[in-house]
Each structure stands twice: as C-alpha cells, then as structure tokens.
Amino acid sequence: MKPKRQALGRGLDSLIPMDDVPASGASAINEIDIELIQPNPDQPRSNFDEESLAELAVSIRELGIIQPISLRSVGGNYQIIAGERRYRAARMAGLSTVPAYIRVASDSELTEMALIENIQREDLNAIEIALTFKKLIERYDLTQERLSERIGKKRATVANFLRLLRLPAEVQLGLRDKRLDMGHARALLAIDDPTVQLKIYKRILKEGLSVRKVEDLVKSIREGSAEARSAGENTSLSKDFELLRNHLSSKFNTPVHFTCSASGSGKITFSFKSEDELERLITIFDDVKAQEG
C-alpha cells in the first residue's frame, strides 16, 4: 500500500496533486473561457519573467496546455488556485479557453494551496515565501508552530524565512532578485546593525563574496574584530587594525580585541585569565603612565 503524505492537516494529496492527478471533487477537466478567469490576489509569486513567459507561450501555441490549471468558482467567474504562469502564457498565446480542474477551496485553503504548489515547483523566491508566511500568520491568527503543521514544513524553516523580513529593504530586494542567496542572508542576520548589514551586502555585490567568506566576515565582526568598522569598505583598513591588535597582543602578552561600530567608535579589550594576569597588566599600564608623566 502506498503511504499517505501528511501536510496541511487534511493531507497534501487532497490539496495539491502530486502526480498531476486531479484531487477529490475535481475529477473532470473543463474548458474554461479565459475571460472568466481571474488571478488570485493572494498569489505568493509576484514576479513572472517575461522572456520565460514568451517561451512558454510559443510552446502552448504549438502544443496546447499539457497540464490543466486549477480554479475555484467565485460569483460566476473563476479564480486561479494553481497555474497562473500557464494562464498568463495562454493569454499571450491568444488562447480563448484553457483546460482546468474546478475545485472547492476557502480563502485560507486557496492561499495555502498556491503557496505549496509554488514551493513544490520551486517557483517562489525566498522573500515571496517569507511574505506569504507572514500573511497567513496575520490573516488567520496562526502561530509559527501551527503554520508549520499546516504547510508541512519544520517550524525552524518557517522561522528562518520570517527572519529574512528583518533585513534592510535593499537586501530583501537583492534576495528577491537573486543577487545573493539564502546562505548570504542567513549570515547577515547574525548582525543586528542594519548599517553594517548593508555594507556587507554591497561588498557581496561588488566582490562576489562567497557564503563562506561572508560567514567568516560576520564571525570576525561578532568576535569584536576591527572589520565591524570596515565591513563593506576598504579592506586594507581592517588589516591595519589587525596589525595593531596583533602588536598589542604581543606587547602585553594577552589577547586583545577591538569592538568598533559602523560610525567608528569603539573600545579595546585586554583579556586576562587570573588575578595574577590582571595584576601584571595593571603593572604594565602603570609603567606606561609613569613613562608618559
């Protein structure tokens, strides 16, 4: 016996056909007047590549629509559940009707179906997914845990997507437009200062930094490196600070750390492991002060 897939409480198969098989209540394919079809206003996907649509339109003009779209009836018209890209390409190809399954769905199920269908096909970018998660949580008063259960995703996955919305708008747009990927974004989220996040983002674009490089850069910032000041700017400046830090560490024979803000202010920290080391440092400081006097 084939095991049932679990998702959305009712089972994913009852909402989204996994093998291009119509769901219960939609066993027949109907030819629907394309003028009676309306896009879903809550469609998670907001970007449709025009060149890709044009290519699909050529294929549809020659071969027709291979996989029917899914619709629900709304006041004498029809609203798209899944297949808006095919619908747009069909209009572009000049079709007057399209094959479709007519299904029954509430508003919340409609949004969930569209979200899952796009995720399964990997059609959505990370920001579109995050915004849809946020919309579902706010509109239907869901917790992250409840949402994760309904869409068949781990709670940590839901939380990680929602955290992307804390990034500066410019970084979110870059993620949406695939100028950086989720790995870069997750690394940037480890920093609280949006100014520093933006500086690193611009370095990613300018220098083509890998995810590993960004992770290392963020780590150095969190550990109090001078790169917190120079992130996104001239890397030679950070090297000067590193040289100074190394010099002080050698001079005082103890680890020395810089903590710098984006504005350039900060502090220098001398570490010690015992009272004896602290007394040794105080003695050195006193000697330096005496020499200056």
C-alpha atoms as a PDB file:
ATOM      1  CA  MET A   1       0.000   0.000   0.000  1.00  0.00           C
ATOM      2  CA  LYS A   2       1.266   3.417  -0.933  1.00  0.00           C
ATOM      3  CA  PRO A   3       1.833   5.542   2.230  1.00  0.00           C
ATOM      4  CA  LYS A   4      -0.161   8.740   2.561  1.00  0.00           C
ATOM      5  CA  ARG A   5       1.658  12.052   2.581  1.00  0.00           C
ATOM      6  CA  GLN A   6       0.901  14.270   5.578  1.00  0.00           C
ATOM      7  CA  ALA A   7       0.570  18.043   5.342  1.00  0.00           C
ATOM      8  CA  LEU A   8      -1.949  20.804   5.845  1.00  0.00           C
ATOM      9  CA  GLY A   9      -3.842  18.678   8.317  1.00  0.00           C
ATOM     10  CA  ARG A  10      -6.001  17.115   5.563  1.00  0.00           C
ATOM     11  CA  GLY A  11      -3.102  15.547   3.740  1.00  0.00           C
ATOM     12  CA  LEU A  12      -1.177  17.191   0.940  1.00  0.00           C
ATOM     13  CA  ASP A  13      -2.625  14.940  -1.752  1.00  0.00           C
ATOM     14  CA  SER A  14      -6.119  16.266  -1.054  1.00  0.00           C
ATOM     15  CA  LEU A  15      -4.962  19.811  -1.786  1.00  0.00           C
ATOM     16  CA  ILE A  16      -2.188  19.630  -4.353  1.00  0.00           C
ATOM     17  CA  PRO A  17      -1.988  16.837  -6.943  1.00  0.00           C
ATOM     18  CA  MET A  18       1.442  15.260  -6.544  1.00  0.00           C
ATOM     19  CA  ASP A  19       1.342  13.295  -9.787  1.00  0.00           C
ATOM     20  CA  ASP A  20      -0.774  15.554 -11.991  1.00  0.00           C
ATOM     21  CA  VAL A  21      -3.900  13.689 -10.845  1.00  0.00           C
ATOM     22  CA  PRO A  22      -6.984  15.795 -10.048  1.00  0.00           C
ATOM     23  CA  ALA A  23      -7.997  15.994  -6.389  1.00  0.00           C
ATOM     24  CA  SER A  24     -11.299  14.823  -4.980  1.00  0.00           C
ATOM     25  CA  GLY A  25     -14.171  16.918  -6.311  1.00  0.00           C
ATOM     26  CA  ALA A  26     -12.292  17.796  -9.499  1.00  0.00           C
ATOM     27  CA  SER A  27     -12.310  14.566 -11.466  1.00  0.00           C
ATOM     28  CA  ALA A  28     -13.159  16.142 -14.824  1.00  0.00           C
ATOM     29  CA  ILE A  29     -11.198  18.546 -16.983  1.00  0.00           C
ATOM     30  CA  ASN A  30     -13.250  21.530 -18.153  1.00  0.00           C
ATOM     31  CA  GLU A  31     -12.563  24.001 -20.955  1.00  0.00           C
ATOM     32  CA  ILE A  32     -12.994  27.427 -19.341  1.00  0.00           C
ATOM     33  CA  ASP A  33     -13.354  30.762 -21.150  1.00  0.00           C
ATOM     34  CA  ILE A  34     -10.116  32.590 -20.424  1.00  0.00           C
ATOM     35  CA  GLU A  35     -12.009  35.872 -19.990  1.00  0.00           C
ATOM     36  CA  LEU A  36     -13.838  34.392 -16.988  1.00  0.00           C
ATOM     37  CA  ILE A  37     -10.596  33.620 -15.154  1.00  0.00           C
ATOM     38  CA  GLN A  38      -9.110  35.959 -12.564  1.00  0.00           C
ATOM     39  CA  PRO A  39      -5.681  35.696 -10.905  1.00  0.00           C
ATOM     40  CA  ASN A  40      -5.531  35.013  -7.194  1.00  0.00           C
ATOM     41  CA  PRO A  41      -4.906  38.390  -5.452  1.00  0.00           C
ATOM     42  CA  ASP A  42      -3.015  36.496  -2.735  1.00  0.00           C
ATOM     43  CA  GLN A  43      -0.800  34.650  -5.182  1.00  0.00           C
ATOM     44  CA  PRO A  44       2.544  34.247  -3.384  1.00  0.00           C
ATOM     45  CA  ARG A  45       4.504  34.623  -6.580  1.00  0.00           C
ATOM     46  CA  SER A  46       4.863  38.280  -7.585  1.00  0.00           C
ATOM     47  CA  ASN A  47       7.498  38.090 -10.338  1.00  0.00           C
ATOM     48  CA  PHE A  48       6.942  36.469 -13.712  1.00  0.00           C
ATOM     49  CA  ASP A  49       9.861  36.553 -16.115  1.00  0.00           C
ATOM     50  CA  GLU A  50       8.582  37.934 -19.417  1.00  0.00           C
ATOM     51  CA  GLU A  51      11.124  36.073 -21.548  1.00  0.00           C
ATOM     52  CA  SER A  52      10.246  32.772 -19.886  1.00  0.00           C
ATOM     53  CA  LEU A  53       6.540  33.503 -20.350  1.00  0.00           C
ATOM     54  CA  ALA A  54       7.105  34.221 -24.039  1.00  0.00           C
ATOM     55  CA  GLU A  55       8.884  30.881 -24.463  1.00  0.00           C
ATOM     56  CA  LEU A  56       6.040  29.074 -22.702  1.00  0.00           C
ATOM     57  CA  ALA A  57       3.520  30.912 -24.886  1.00  0.00           C
ATOM     58  CA  VAL A  58       5.255  29.591 -28.013  1.00  0.00           C
ATOM     59  CA  SER A  59       5.096  26.056 -26.626  1.00  0.00           C
ATOM     60  CA  ILE A  60       1.409  26.445 -25.708  1.00  0.00           C
ATOM     61  CA  ARG A  61       0.597  27.858 -29.133  1.00  0.00           C
ATOM     62  CA  GLU A  62       2.120  24.746 -30.734  1.00  0.00           C
ATOM     63  CA  LEU A  63       1.236  22.005 -28.245  1.00  0.00           C
ATOM     64  CA  GLY A  64      -1.509  23.445 -26.059  1.00  0.00           C
ATOM     65  CA  ILE A  65      -1.551  23.334 -22.256  1.00  0.00           C
ATOM     66  CA  ILE A  66      -0.294  19.913 -21.191  1.00  0.00           C
ATOM     67  CA  GLN A  67      -1.226  20.197 -17.504  1.00  0.00           C
ATOM     68  CA  PRO A  68      -4.614  21.782 -16.683  1.00  0.00           C
ATOM     69  CA  ILE A  69      -4.672  24.697 -14.275  1.00  0.00           C
ATOM     70  CA  SER A  70      -6.698  24.563 -11.043  1.00  0.00           C
ATOM     71  CA  LEU A  71      -9.550  27.021 -10.458  1.00  0.00           C
ATOM     72  CA  ARG A  72     -12.311  27.712  -7.964  1.00  0.00           C
ATOM     73  CA  SER A  73     -15.690  29.207  -8.796  1.00  0.00           C
ATOM     74  CA  VAL A  74     -16.231  32.751  -7.489  1.00  0.00           C
ATOM     75  CA  GLY A  75     -19.502  34.573  -8.293  1.00  0.00           C
ATOM     76  CA  GLY A  76     -19.889  33.275 -11.833  1.00  0.00           C
ATOM     77  CA  ASN A  77     -16.196  33.659 -12.631  1.00  0.00           C
ATOM     78  CA  TYR A  78     -13.174  31.590 -11.727  1.00  0.00           C
ATOM     79  CA  GLN A  79     -10.141  32.310  -9.554  1.00  0.00           C
ATOM     80  CA  ILE A  80      -6.773  30.651 -10.073  1.00  0.00           C
ATOM     81  CA  ILE A  81      -5.614  28.245  -7.385  1.00  0.00           C
ATOM     82  CA  ALA A  82      -2.559  26.976  -9.256  1.00  0.00           C
ATOM     83  CA  GLY A  83      -1.225  27.666 -12.725  1.00  0.00           C
ATOM     84  CA  GLU A  84      -1.102  31.460 -13.081  1.00  0.00           C
ATOM     85  CA  ARG A  85       2.070  31.232 -15.172  1.00  0.00           C
ATOM     86  CA  ARG A  86       0.320  28.882 -17.602  1.00  0.00           C
ATOM     87  CA  TYR A  87      -2.716  31.216 -17.614  1.00  0.00           C
ATOM     88  CA  ARG A  88      -0.577  34.252 -18.440  1.00  0.00           C
ATOM     89  CA  ALA A  89       1.262  32.392 -21.188  1.00  0.00           C
ATOM     90  CA  ALA A  90      -2.058  31.140 -22.614  1.00  0.00           C
ATOM     91  CA  ARG A  91      -3.332  34.723 -22.871  1.00  0.00           C
ATOM     92  CA  MET A  92      -0.076  35.700 -24.511  1.00  0.00           C
ATOM     93  CA  ALA A  93      -0.507  32.803 -26.957  1.00  0.00           C
ATOM     94  CA  GLY A  94      -4.006  34.019 -27.859  1.00  0.00           C
ATOM     95  CA  LEU A  95      -5.986  31.072 -26.455  1.00  0.00           C
ATOM     96  CA  SER A  96      -9.703  31.697 -25.842  1.00  0.00           C
ATOM     97  CA  THR A  97     -10.157  28.757 -23.450  1.00  0.00           C
ATOM     98  CA  VAL A  98      -7.903  26.764 -21.145  1.00  0.00           C
ATOM     99  CA  PRO A  99      -8.266  23.265 -19.647  1.00  0.00           C
ATOM    100  CA  ALA A 100      -8.869  23.365 -15.891  1.00  0.00           C
ATOM    101  CA  TYR A 101      -9.938  21.438 -12.830  1.00  0.00           C
ATOM    102  CA  ILE A 102     -12.674  23.194 -10.845  1.00  0.00           C
ATOM    103  CA  ARG A 103     -12.122  22.727  -7.136  1.00  0.00           C
ATOM    104  CA  VAL A 104     -13.665  23.869  -3.855  1.00  0.00           C
ATOM    105  CA  ALA A 105     -11.471  25.919  -1.521  1.00  0.00           C
ATOM    106  CA  SER A 106     -11.883  28.515   1.206  1.00  0.00           C
ATOM    107  CA  ASP A 107      -9.807  31.709   1.175  1.00  0.00           C
ATOM    108  CA  SER A 108      -7.255  30.273   3.603  1.00  0.00           C
ATOM    109  CA  GLU A 109      -7.005  26.999   1.671  1.00  0.00           C
ATOM    110  CA  LEU A 110      -6.624  28.968  -1.568  1.00  0.00           C
ATOM    111  CA  THR A 111      -3.565  30.800  -0.221  1.00  0.00           C
ATOM    112  CA  GLU A 112      -2.111  27.611   1.247  1.00  0.00           C
ATOM    113  CA  MET A 113      -2.624  25.703  -1.996  1.00  0.00           C
ATOM    114  CA  ALA A 114      -0.977  28.416  -4.071  1.00  0.00           C
ATOM    115  CA  LEU A 115       1.921  28.602  -1.630  1.00  0.00           C
ATOM    116  CA  ILE A 116       2.578  24.876  -1.554  1.00  0.00           C
ATOM    117  CA  GLU A 117       2.160  24.465  -5.297  1.00  0.00           C
ATOM    118  CA  ASN A 118       4.776  27.148  -5.910  1.00  0.00           C
ATOM    119  CA  ILE A 119       7.162  25.815  -3.264  1.00  0.00           C
ATOM    120  CA  GLN A 120       6.944  22.294  -4.676  1.00  0.00           C
ATOM    121  CA  ARG A 121       7.764  23.624  -8.118  1.00  0.00           C
ATOM    122  CA  GLU A 122      10.476  25.903  -6.660  1.00  0.00           C
ATOM    123  CA  ASP A 123       8.823  28.880  -8.369  1.00  0.00           C
ATOM    124  CA  LEU A 124       8.999  31.256  -5.401  1.00  0.00           C
ATOM    125  CA  ASN A 125      11.962  33.261  -4.210  1.00  0.00           C
ATOM    126  CA  ALA A 126      12.756  33.405  -0.501  1.00  0.00           C
ATOM    127  CA  ILE A 127      11.161  36.815   0.081  1.00  0.00           C
ATOM    128  CA  GLU A 128       7.902  35.795  -1.599  1.00  0.00           C
ATOM    129  CA  ILE A 129       7.740  32.746   0.666  1.00  0.00           C
ATOM    130  CA  ALA A 130       8.509  34.862   3.749  1.00  0.00           C
ATOM    131  CA  LEU A 131       5.810  37.420   2.882  1.00  0.00           C
ATOM    132  CA  THR A 132       3.245  34.674   2.312  1.00  0.00           C
ATOM    133  CA  PHE A 133       4.088  33.049   5.647  1.00  0.00           C
ATOM    134  CA  LYS A 134       3.647  36.443   7.314  1.00  0.00           C
ATOM    135  CA  LYS A 135       0.324  36.998   5.544  1.00  0.00           C
ATOM    136  CA  LEU A 136      -1.019  33.600   6.622  1.00  0.00           C
ATOM    137  CA  ILE A 137       0.059  34.133  10.232  1.00  0.00           C
ATOM    138  CA  GLU A 138      -1.500  37.584  10.452  1.00  0.00           C
ATOM    139  CA  ARG A 139      -4.685  36.921   8.496  1.00  0.00           C
ATOM    140  CA  TYR A 140      -5.613  33.656  10.204  1.00  0.00           C
ATOM    141  CA  ASP A 141      -4.050  34.346  13.599  1.00  0.00           C
ATOM    142  CA  LEU A 142      -1.674  31.379  13.397  1.00  0.00           C
ATOM    143  CA  THR A 143       1.404  30.637  15.456  1.00  0.00           C
ATOM    144  CA  GLN A 144       4.594  29.640  13.667  1.00  0.00           C
ATOM    145  CA  GLU A 145       4.097  26.131  15.030  1.00  0.00           C
ATOM    146  CA  ARG A 146       0.556  25.907  13.652  1.00  0.00           C
ATOM    147  CA  LEU A 147       1.591  27.281  10.277  1.00  0.00           C
ATOM    148  CA  SER A 148       4.439  24.775  10.053  1.00  0.00           C
ATOM    149  CA  GLU A 149       1.949  21.969  10.666  1.00  0.00           C
ATOM    150  CA  ARG A 150      -0.470  23.223   8.021  1.00  0.00           C
ATOM    151  CA  ILE A 151       2.095  23.617   5.254  1.00  0.00           C
ATOM    152  CA  GLY A 152       4.147  20.556   6.110  1.00  0.00           C
ATOM    153  CA  LYS A 153       7.364  22.426   6.924  1.00  0.00           C
ATOM    154  CA  LYS A 154       9.525  22.386  10.040  1.00  0.00           C
ATOM    155  CA  ARG A 155       8.946  25.256  12.453  1.00  0.00           C
ATOM    156  CA  ALA A 156      12.625  26.238  12.137  1.00  0.00           C
ATOM    157  CA  THR A 157      12.144  26.568   8.375  1.00  0.00           C
ATOM    158  CA  VAL A 158       9.180  28.905   8.866  1.00  0.00           C
ATOM    159  CA  ALA A 159      11.125  30.951  11.437  1.00  0.00           C
ATOM    160  CA  ASN A 160      14.169  31.257   9.159  1.00  0.00           C
ATOM    161  CA  PHE A 161      12.075  32.591   6.278  1.00  0.00           C
ATOM    162  CA  LEU A 162      10.287  35.098   8.525  1.00  0.00           C
ATOM    163  CA  ARG A 163      13.622  36.358   9.866  1.00  0.00           C
ATOM    164  CA  LEU A 164      14.529  37.459   6.322  1.00  0.00           C
ATOM    165  CA  LEU A 165      11.947  40.238   6.656  1.00  0.00           C
ATOM    166  CA  ARG A 166      14.145  41.830   9.329  1.00  0.00           C
ATOM    167  CA  LEU A 167      16.834  42.573   6.748  1.00  0.00           C
ATOM    168  CA  PRO A 168      17.057  46.079   5.225  1.00  0.00           C
ATOM    169  CA  ALA A 169      14.745  46.566   2.250  1.00  0.00           C
ATOM    170  CA  GLU A 170      17.657  46.824  -0.171  1.00  0.00           C
ATOM    171  CA  VAL A 171      18.969  43.441   0.941  1.00  0.00           C
ATOM    172  CA  GLN A 172      15.487  41.912   0.658  1.00  0.00           C
ATOM    173  CA  LEU A 173      15.242  43.159  -2.921  1.00  0.00           C
ATOM    174  CA  GLY A 174      18.652  41.646  -3.669  1.00  0.00           C
ATOM    175  CA  LEU A 175      17.475  38.321  -2.298  1.00  0.00           C
ATOM    176  CA  ARG A 176      14.252  38.548  -4.282  1.00  0.00           C
ATOM    177  CA  ASP A 177      16.170  39.287  -7.467  1.00  0.00           C
ATOM    178  CA  LYS A 178      18.703  36.512  -6.706  1.00  0.00           C
ATOM    179  CA  ARG A 179      21.678  38.835  -6.415  1.00  0.00           C
ATOM    180  CA  LEU A 180      22.510  36.896  -3.267  1.00  0.00           C
ATOM    181  CA  ASP A 181      21.206  33.623  -1.857  1.00  0.00           C
ATOM    182  CA  MET A 182      19.774  32.329   1.386  1.00  0.00           C
ATOM    183  CA  GLY A 183      23.224  31.441   2.711  1.00  0.00           C
ATOM    184  CA  HIS A 184      24.361  35.062   2.430  1.00  0.00           C
ATOM    185  CA  ALA A 185      21.128  36.285   4.017  1.00  0.00           C
ATOM    186  CA  ARG A 186      21.362  33.898   6.969  1.00  0.00           C
ATOM    187  CA  ALA A 187      24.915  35.080   7.612  1.00  0.00           C
ATOM    188  CA  LEU A 188      23.833  38.740   7.553  1.00  0.00           C
ATOM    189  CA  LEU A 189      21.075  38.025  10.080  1.00  0.00           C
ATOM    190  CA  ALA A 190      23.740  37.246  12.668  1.00  0.00           C
ATOM    191  CA  ILE A 191      24.458  41.002  12.764  1.00  0.00           C
ATOM    192  CA  ASP A 192      21.987  43.362  14.423  1.00  0.00           C
ATOM    193  CA  ASP A 193      23.235  46.631  12.891  1.00  0.00           C
ATOM    194  CA  PRO A 194      21.405  47.292   9.560  1.00  0.00           C
ATOM    195  CA  THR A 195      24.133  49.736   8.523  1.00  0.00           C
ATOM    196  CA  VAL A 196      26.756  47.005   8.743  1.00  0.00           C
ATOM    197  CA  GLN A 197      24.408  44.560   7.007  1.00  0.00           C
ATOM    198  CA  LEU A 198      24.108  46.964   4.078  1.00  0.00           C
ATOM    199  CA  LYS A 199      27.863  47.488   3.884  1.00  0.00           C
ATOM    200  CA  ILE A 200      28.488  43.748   3.732  1.00  0.00           C
ATOM    201  CA  TYR A 201      25.685  43.353   1.175  1.00  0.00           C
ATOM    202  CA  LYS A 202      27.368  45.910  -1.087  1.00  0.00           C
ATOM    203  CA  ARG A 203      30.650  44.056  -0.725  1.00  0.00           C
ATOM    204  CA  ILE A 204      28.892  40.837  -1.724  1.00  0.00           C
ATOM    205  CA  LEU A 205      27.711  42.508  -4.928  1.00  0.00           C
ATOM    206  CA  LYS A 206      30.986  44.288  -5.648  1.00  0.00           C
ATOM    207  CA  GLU A 207      33.421  41.486  -4.823  1.00  0.00           C
ATOM    208  CA  GLY A 208      31.257  38.412  -5.414  1.00  0.00           C
ATOM    209  CA  LEU A 209      31.867  37.164  -1.869  1.00  0.00           C
ATOM    210  CA  SER A 210      31.054  33.524  -1.266  1.00  0.00           C
ATOM    211  CA  VAL A 211      28.759  32.455   1.552  1.00  0.00           C
ATOM    212  CA  ARG A 212      31.782  31.099   3.427  1.00  0.00           C
ATOM    213  CA  LYS A 213      33.594  34.426   3.094  1.00  0.00           C
ATOM    214  CA  VAL A 214      30.570  36.321   4.399  1.00  0.00           C
ATOM    215  CA  GLU A 215      30.238  33.891   7.306  1.00  0.00           C
ATOM    216  CA  ASP A 216      33.905  34.436   8.182  1.00  0.00           C
ATOM    217  CA  LEU A 217      33.489  38.206   7.923  1.00  0.00           C
ATOM    218  CA  VAL A 218      30.426  38.174  10.169  1.00  0.00           C
ATOM    219  CA  LYS A 219      32.203  35.937  12.656  1.00  0.00           C
ATOM    220  CA  SER A 220      35.106  38.353  12.890  1.00  0.00           C
ATOM    221  CA  ILE A 221      32.674  41.210  13.488  1.00  0.00           C
ATOM    222  CA  ARG A 222      30.832  39.339  16.228  1.00  0.00           C
ATOM    223  CA  GLU A 223      34.117  38.491  17.896  1.00  0.00           C
ATOM    224  CA  GLY A 224      34.994  42.165  18.094  1.00  0.00           C
ATOM    225  CA  SER A 225      37.292  42.481  15.109  1.00  0.00           C
ATOM    226  CA  ALA A 226      38.002  45.886  13.583  1.00  0.00           C
ATOM    227  CA  GLU A 227      36.226  44.645  10.469  1.00  0.00           C
ATOM    228  CA  ALA A 228      32.996  45.763  12.121  1.00  0.00           C
ATOM    229  CA  ARG A 229      34.114  49.241  11.179  1.00  0.00           C
ATOM    230  CA  SER A 230      35.461  48.461   7.764  1.00  0.00           C
ATOM    231  CA  ALA A 231      32.897  45.896   6.574  1.00  0.00           C
ATOM    232  CA  GLY A 232      31.913  46.882   3.054  1.00  0.00           C
ATOM    233  CA  GLU A 233      34.662  49.462   2.789  1.00  0.00           C
ATOM    234  CA  ASN A 234      38.407  49.365   2.228  1.00  0.00           C
ATOM    235  CA  THR A 235      39.771  46.005   3.367  1.00  0.00           C
ATOM    236  CA  SER A 236      43.256  47.486   3.861  1.00  0.00           C
ATOM    237  CA  LEU A 237      41.887  49.490   6.796  1.00  0.00           C
ATOM    238  CA  SER A 238      40.881  46.296   8.584  1.00  0.00           C
ATOM    239  CA  LYS A 239      44.361  44.890   8.004  1.00  0.00           C
ATOM    240  CA  ASP A 240      45.858  47.933   9.731  1.00  0.00           C
ATOM    241  CA  PHE A 241      43.650  47.322  12.727  1.00  0.00           C
ATOM    242  CA  GLU A 242      44.559  43.646  12.725  1.00  0.00           C
ATOM    243  CA  LEU A 243      48.245  44.571  12.731  1.00  0.00           C
ATOM    244  CA  LEU A 244      47.666  46.919  15.673  1.00  0.00           C
ATOM    245  CA  ARG A 245      45.733  44.273  17.543  1.00  0.00           C
ATOM    246  CA  ASN A 246      48.472  41.720  16.973  1.00  0.00           C
ATOM    247  CA  HIS A 247      51.108  44.239  18.076  1.00  0.00           C
ATOM    248  CA  LEU A 248      49.251  44.982  21.316  1.00  0.00           C
ATOM    249  CA  SER A 249      48.641  41.307  21.965  1.00  0.00           C
ATOM    250  CA  SER A 250      52.344  40.651  21.607  1.00  0.00           C
ATOM    251  CA  LYS A 251      53.341  43.706  23.657  1.00  0.00           C
ATOM    252  CA  PHE A 252      51.047  42.857  26.573  1.00  0.00           C
ATOM    253  CA  ASN A 253      51.264  39.079  26.109  1.00  0.00           C
ATOM    254  CA  THR A 254      47.486  38.669  26.255  1.00  0.00           C
ATOM    255  CA  PRO A 255      44.609  38.533  23.743  1.00  0.00           C
ATOM    256  CA  VAL A 256      43.437  41.988  22.645  1.00  0.00           C
ATOM    257  CA  HIS A 257      40.093  42.654  20.939  1.00  0.00           C
ATOM    258  CA  PHE A 258      38.661  45.640  19.085  1.00  0.00           C
ATOM    259  CA  THR A 259      34.951  46.429  19.136  1.00  0.00           C
ATOM    260  CA  CYS A 260      34.047  49.048  16.527  1.00  0.00           C
ATOM    261  CA  SER A 261      30.672  50.393  15.491  1.00  0.00           C
ATOM    262  CA  ALA A 262      29.769  51.441  11.969  1.00  0.00           C
ATOM    263  CA  SER A 263      30.332  55.081  12.977  1.00  0.00           C
ATOM    264  CA  GLY A 264      33.931  54.365  14.029  1.00  0.00           C
ATOM    265  CA  SER A 265      33.567  54.499  17.819  1.00  0.00           C
ATOM    266  CA  GLY A 266      34.525  51.512  19.918  1.00  0.00           C
ATOM    267  CA  LYS A 267      36.777  50.068  22.599  1.00  0.00           C
ATOM    268  CA  ILE A 268      39.877  47.946  23.086  1.00  0.00           C
ATOM    269  CA  THR A 269      39.629  44.982  25.442  1.00  0.00           C
ATOM    270  CA  PHE A 270      42.558  43.236  27.167  1.00  0.00           C
ATOM    271  CA  SER A 271      41.776  39.721  28.345  1.00  0.00           C
ATOM    272  CA  PHE A 272      43.129  38.025  31.477  1.00  0.00           C
ATOM    273  CA  LYS A 273      42.582  34.555  32.934  1.00  0.00           C
ATOM    274  CA  SER A 274      43.561  35.105  36.555  1.00  0.00           C
ATOM    275  CA  GLU A 275      44.181  37.737  39.216  1.00  0.00           C
ATOM    276  CA  ASP A 276      47.920  37.359  38.641  1.00  0.00           C
ATOM    277  CA  GLU A 277      47.475  38.214  34.945  1.00  0.00           C
ATOM    278  CA  LEU A 278      45.329  41.201  35.891  1.00  0.00           C
ATOM    279  CA  GLU A 279      47.989  42.464  38.296  1.00  0.00           C
ATOM    280  CA  ARG A 280      50.620  42.031  35.587  1.00  0.00           C
ATOM    281  CA  LEU A 281      48.571  44.120  33.148  1.00  0.00           C
ATOM    282  CA  ILE A 282      47.966  46.822  35.748  1.00  0.00           C
ATOM    283  CA  THR A 283      51.684  46.977  36.410  1.00  0.00           C
ATOM    284  CA  ILE A 284      52.379  47.428  32.689  1.00  0.00           C
ATOM    285  CA  PHE A 285      49.744  50.173  32.432  1.00  0.00           C
ATOM    286  CA  ASP A 286      51.219  51.925  35.482  1.00  0.00           C
ATOM    287  CA  ASP A 287      54.689  51.745  33.960  1.00  0.00           C
ATOM    288  CA  VAL A 288      53.407  53.242  30.681  1.00  0.00           C
ATOM    289  CA  LYS A 289      51.636  56.014  32.580  1.00  0.00           C
ATOM    290  CA  ALA A 290      54.785  56.751  34.636  1.00  0.00           C
ATOM    291  CA  GLN A 291      56.864  57.000  31.463  1.00  0.00           C
ATOM    292  CA  GLU A 292      54.373  59.476  29.987  1.00  0.00           C
ATOM    293  CA  GLY A 293      54.496  61.545  33.200  1.00  0.00           C
END
